Amino acid sequence: MKAIYLHAVGAIALSFTIAACIPNVEPPLPVPPPVTTPAPAPVPTVAPAPAPSPSPTPVPAVQQPEYENYLDAPQTPGTWIYSNSGSTSRADFTTSQSGSFNLRLHCSANPGREQISISRRGYLPTGTSTITITTETAERTLRADISSSAMIVATRVDADDPILDAMAITKGRFAIETPGLPTLYIPAWVEVSRVIEDCR
């Protein structure tokens, strides 16, 4: 038992020795309250003028390649579709089976006033424009009406107009130009001649 007492006395003595080595810490001095100064009165400011909004950048017109000879231009992709309902016949140059056309030749056979309408699809503001037909042997500019809602530009010619014959017999293709729309380079296939003959 003596050994236990010696260990206990030694532990107590060691504790007092360690406690004597710790310095006394004085409590910190109180911090004085901060000195507050009143904020300066707000100075009225003038709102900066809004920055001017940038003007919209105009969309550049699509520049079509120009050809010295329209026969050098690539043919507009598509095919002719002919239909005849007895009183009217038409040929549509189309790129799809959906029924929309790029160019339409339509015969409205009113006795004594047979005419062929030449219509092309494309949007232009309502009003009037022109359609220029260029063939190997002839060129003609015709006044055209615009239907903005239907996106069609159309003109009419008498069924015996020589420009129709020039379209039918031209070498390979003819061109249809309308200001503001892409030029069409259309093949002169048999459907063109059929509509013309139906109307005469």
Protein backbone atom coordinates (compact mmCIF):
# COMPACT_ATOMS: atom_id res chain seq x y z
CA MET A 1 0.00 0.00 0.00
CA LYS A 2 2.84 2.25 0.55
CA ALA A 3 3.53 2.36 -3.16
CA ILE A 4 0.07 3.67 -3.87
CA TYR A 5 0.46 6.46 -1.35
CA LEU A 6 3.77 7.42 -2.82
CA HIS A 7 2.30 7.60 -6.30
CA ALA A 8 -0.62 9.67 -5.08
CA VAL A 9 1.61 12.09 -3.17
CA GLY A 10 3.89 12.41 -6.20
CA ALA A 11 0.96 13.13 -8.52
CA ILE A 12 -0.40 15.82 -6.18
CA ALA A 13 3.01 17.44 -5.84
CA LEU A 14 3.46 17.39 -9.60
CA SER A 15 0.06 19.05 -10.07
CA PHE A 16 0.97 21.88 -7.69
CA THR A 17 4.30 22.34 -9.44
CA ILE A 18 2.66 22.62 -12.84
CA ALA A 19 0.02 25.00 -11.51
CA ALA A 20 2.74 27.21 -10.07
CA CYS A 21 4.35 27.50 -13.53
CA ILE A 22 1.24 28.93 -15.20
CA PRO A 23 1.40 32.74 -15.19
CA ASN A 24 -1.51 34.73 -13.90
CA VAL A 25 -3.55 36.19 -16.74
CA GLU A 26 -5.07 39.55 -16.07
CA PRO A 27 -8.53 40.13 -17.43
CA PRO A 28 -8.57 42.33 -20.56
CA LEU A 29 -9.29 46.00 -20.20
CA PRO A 30 -12.76 47.04 -21.25
CA VAL A 31 -12.95 48.35 -24.82
CA PRO A 32 -14.29 51.90 -25.03
CA PRO A 33 -17.45 52.24 -27.11
CA PRO A 34 -16.80 53.39 -30.71
CA VAL A 35 -17.14 57.05 -31.41
CA THR A 36 -19.89 57.55 -33.96
CA THR A 37 -20.02 60.51 -36.25
CA PRO A 38 -23.21 61.36 -38.07
CA ALA A 39 -23.23 60.43 -41.76
CA PRO A 40 -23.11 63.36 -44.16
CA ALA A 41 -26.40 64.37 -45.70
CA PRO A 42 -26.96 62.73 -49.12
CA VAL A 43 -26.08 64.89 -52.07
CA PRO A 44 -28.75 64.84 -54.79
CA THR A 45 -27.39 63.15 -57.91
CA VAL A 46 -28.54 63.47 -61.48
CA ALA A 47 -29.30 60.15 -63.13
CA PRO A 48 -26.98 59.53 -66.06
CA ALA A 49 -28.56 59.78 -69.48
CA PRO A 50 -29.43 56.34 -70.85
CA ALA A 51 -27.04 55.07 -73.44
CA PRO A 52 -28.52 55.30 -76.92
CA SER A 53 -29.77 51.97 -78.15
CA PRO A 54 -27.80 50.69 -81.10
CA SER A 55 -29.59 50.96 -84.40
CA PRO A 56 -30.55 47.59 -85.88
CA THR A 57 -28.06 46.24 -88.33
CA PRO A 58 -29.72 45.95 -91.73
CA VAL A 59 -29.85 42.44 -93.11
CA PRO A 60 -27.75 42.40 -96.24
CA ALA A 61 -29.57 41.37 -99.38
CA VAL A 62 -28.57 37.99 -100.64
CA GLN A 63 -26.19 38.62 -103.48
CA GLN A 64 -26.97 36.36 -106.39
CA PRO A 65 -24.22 35.43 -108.77
CA GLU A 66 -24.48 37.25 -112.06
CA TYR A 67 -23.98 35.49 -115.35
CA GLU A 68 -23.16 37.07 -118.70
CA ASN A 69 -25.45 34.56 -120.35
CA TYR A 70 -28.39 33.07 -118.46
CA LEU A 71 -27.64 29.72 -120.13
CA ASP A 72 -24.41 29.58 -118.08
CA ALA A 73 -26.39 29.70 -114.82
CA PRO A 74 -27.19 26.44 -113.05
CA GLN A 75 -30.75 25.23 -113.56
CA THR A 76 -33.12 25.81 -110.63
CA PRO A 77 -33.69 22.37 -109.05
CA GLY A 78 -37.14 20.90 -109.59
CA THR A 79 -39.48 19.24 -112.05
CA TRP A 80 -42.56 20.11 -114.09
CA ILE A 81 -45.97 18.66 -113.15
CA TYR A 82 -48.77 19.00 -115.74
CA SER A 83 -52.51 18.81 -115.00
CA ASN A 84 -55.61 19.34 -117.17
CA SER A 85 -59.14 19.51 -115.78
CA GLY A 86 -60.86 20.11 -119.12
CA SER A 87 -61.59 23.82 -118.76
CA THR A 88 -58.16 24.74 -117.40
CA SER A 89 -54.68 23.34 -117.63
CA ARG A 90 -51.54 24.17 -115.76
CA ALA A 91 -47.92 23.24 -115.39
CA ASP A 92 -46.18 23.70 -112.04
CA PHE A 93 -42.43 23.76 -111.69
CA THR A 94 -41.90 22.46 -108.19
CA THR A 95 -39.18 21.12 -105.94
CA SER A 96 -41.49 18.96 -103.82
CA GLN A 97 -44.63 16.84 -103.91
CA SER A 98 -46.24 19.11 -101.28
CA GLY A 99 -48.02 21.13 -103.94
CA SER A 100 -46.07 24.36 -103.56
CA PHE A 101 -44.58 25.62 -106.78
CA ASN A 102 -41.71 27.86 -107.83
CA LEU A 103 -43.32 28.76 -111.16
CA ARG A 104 -46.80 28.10 -112.55
CA LEU A 105 -48.16 28.47 -116.09
CA HIS A 106 -51.96 28.41 -115.95
CA CYS A 107 -54.37 28.60 -118.90
CA SER A 108 -57.75 30.15 -118.20
CA ALA A 109 -59.62 29.54 -121.43
CA ASN A 110 -62.37 32.14 -121.52
CA PRO A 111 -63.87 32.09 -125.04
CA GLY A 112 -62.43 34.95 -127.05
CA ARG A 113 -59.99 35.94 -124.28
CA GLU A 114 -57.59 33.04 -123.76
CA GLN A 115 -54.76 34.01 -121.44
CA ILE A 116 -51.93 32.32 -119.66
CA SER A 117 -50.96 33.50 -116.21
CA ILE A 118 -47.33 33.21 -115.22
CA SER A 119 -46.95 33.08 -111.43
CA ARG A 120 -43.96 32.67 -109.23
CA ARG A 121 -43.75 32.09 -105.50
CA GLY A 122 -41.99 34.62 -103.31
CA TYR A 123 -42.76 37.34 -100.79
CA LEU A 124 -42.73 40.99 -101.79
CA PRO A 125 -44.70 43.89 -100.25
CA THR A 126 -48.19 44.30 -101.72
CA GLY A 127 -48.35 46.34 -104.91
CA THR A 128 -46.91 45.86 -108.36
CA SER A 129 -43.62 44.62 -109.67
CA THR A 130 -42.27 43.15 -112.89
CA ILE A 131 -41.46 39.74 -114.26
CA THR A 132 -38.75 39.60 -116.91
CA ILE A 133 -38.72 36.52 -119.13
CA THR A 134 -35.44 35.81 -120.92
CA THR A 135 -35.20 33.16 -123.62
CA GLU A 136 -32.69 32.33 -126.34
CA THR A 137 -34.58 34.45 -128.91
CA ALA A 138 -36.53 37.03 -126.87
CA GLU A 139 -36.65 39.03 -123.68
CA ARG A 140 -39.73 40.75 -122.27
CA THR A 141 -40.50 42.63 -119.07
CA LEU A 142 -44.13 42.41 -117.98
CA ARG A 143 -46.04 44.26 -115.27
CA ALA A 144 -46.91 41.91 -112.40
CA ASP A 145 -49.31 42.01 -109.46
CA ILE A 146 -48.21 40.97 -105.99
CA SER A 147 -50.31 38.97 -103.56
CA SER A 148 -48.37 39.23 -100.30
CA SER A 149 -50.78 37.00 -98.40
CA ALA A 150 -50.39 34.18 -100.93
CA MET A 151 -46.70 35.02 -101.54
CA ILE A 152 -47.24 35.08 -105.30
CA VAL A 153 -46.13 37.48 -108.03
CA ALA A 154 -48.17 37.01 -111.23
CA THR A 155 -48.67 38.40 -114.71
CA ARG A 156 -50.92 37.47 -117.67
CA VAL A 157 -50.24 37.27 -121.39
CA ASP A 158 -52.53 36.48 -124.30
CA ALA A 159 -52.31 32.85 -125.41
CA ASP A 160 -50.94 33.89 -128.82
CA ASP A 161 -48.19 36.12 -127.39
CA PRO A 162 -44.81 35.37 -129.08
CA ILE A 163 -43.02 35.31 -125.70
CA LEU A 164 -44.79 32.01 -124.96
CA ASP A 165 -43.45 30.45 -128.16
CA ALA A 166 -39.98 31.70 -127.26
CA MET A 167 -40.30 30.01 -123.83
CA ALA A 168 -41.40 26.72 -125.42
CA ILE A 169 -38.64 26.49 -128.04
CA THR A 170 -35.74 28.08 -126.19
CA LYS A 171 -32.46 26.17 -125.98
CA GLY A 172 -32.59 24.25 -122.73
CA ARG A 173 -34.06 26.79 -120.34
CA PHE A 174 -35.48 30.24 -119.83
CA ALA A 175 -35.00 32.73 -117.00
CA ILE A 176 -37.65 34.40 -114.82
CA GLU A 177 -36.47 37.52 -113.00
CA THR A 178 -38.38 39.59 -110.45
CA PRO A 179 -36.69 42.41 -108.49
CA GLY A 180 -36.19 41.32 -104.88
CA LEU A 181 -36.54 37.58 -105.58
CA PRO A 182 -34.00 34.99 -106.73
CA THR A 183 -33.81 34.46 -110.47
CA LEU A 184 -35.31 31.16 -111.63
CA TYR A 185 -33.58 29.21 -114.42
CA ILE A 186 -36.35 26.90 -115.61
CA PRO A 187 -36.00 24.00 -118.07
CA ALA A 188 -38.20 24.29 -121.18
CA TRP A 189 -39.77 20.86 -121.00
CA VAL A 190 -42.83 19.63 -122.89
CA GLU A 191 -45.22 20.73 -120.10
CA VAL A 192 -44.66 24.37 -121.11
CA SER A 193 -45.75 23.62 -124.70
CA ARG A 194 -48.75 21.57 -123.54
CA VAL A 195 -50.24 24.43 -121.50
CA ILE A 196 -49.69 26.86 -124.38
CA GLU A 197 -51.35 24.52 -126.88
CA ASP A 198 -54.28 23.85 -124.50
CA CYS A 199 -54.95 27.56 -124.40
CA ARG A 200 -54.93 28.19 -128.16
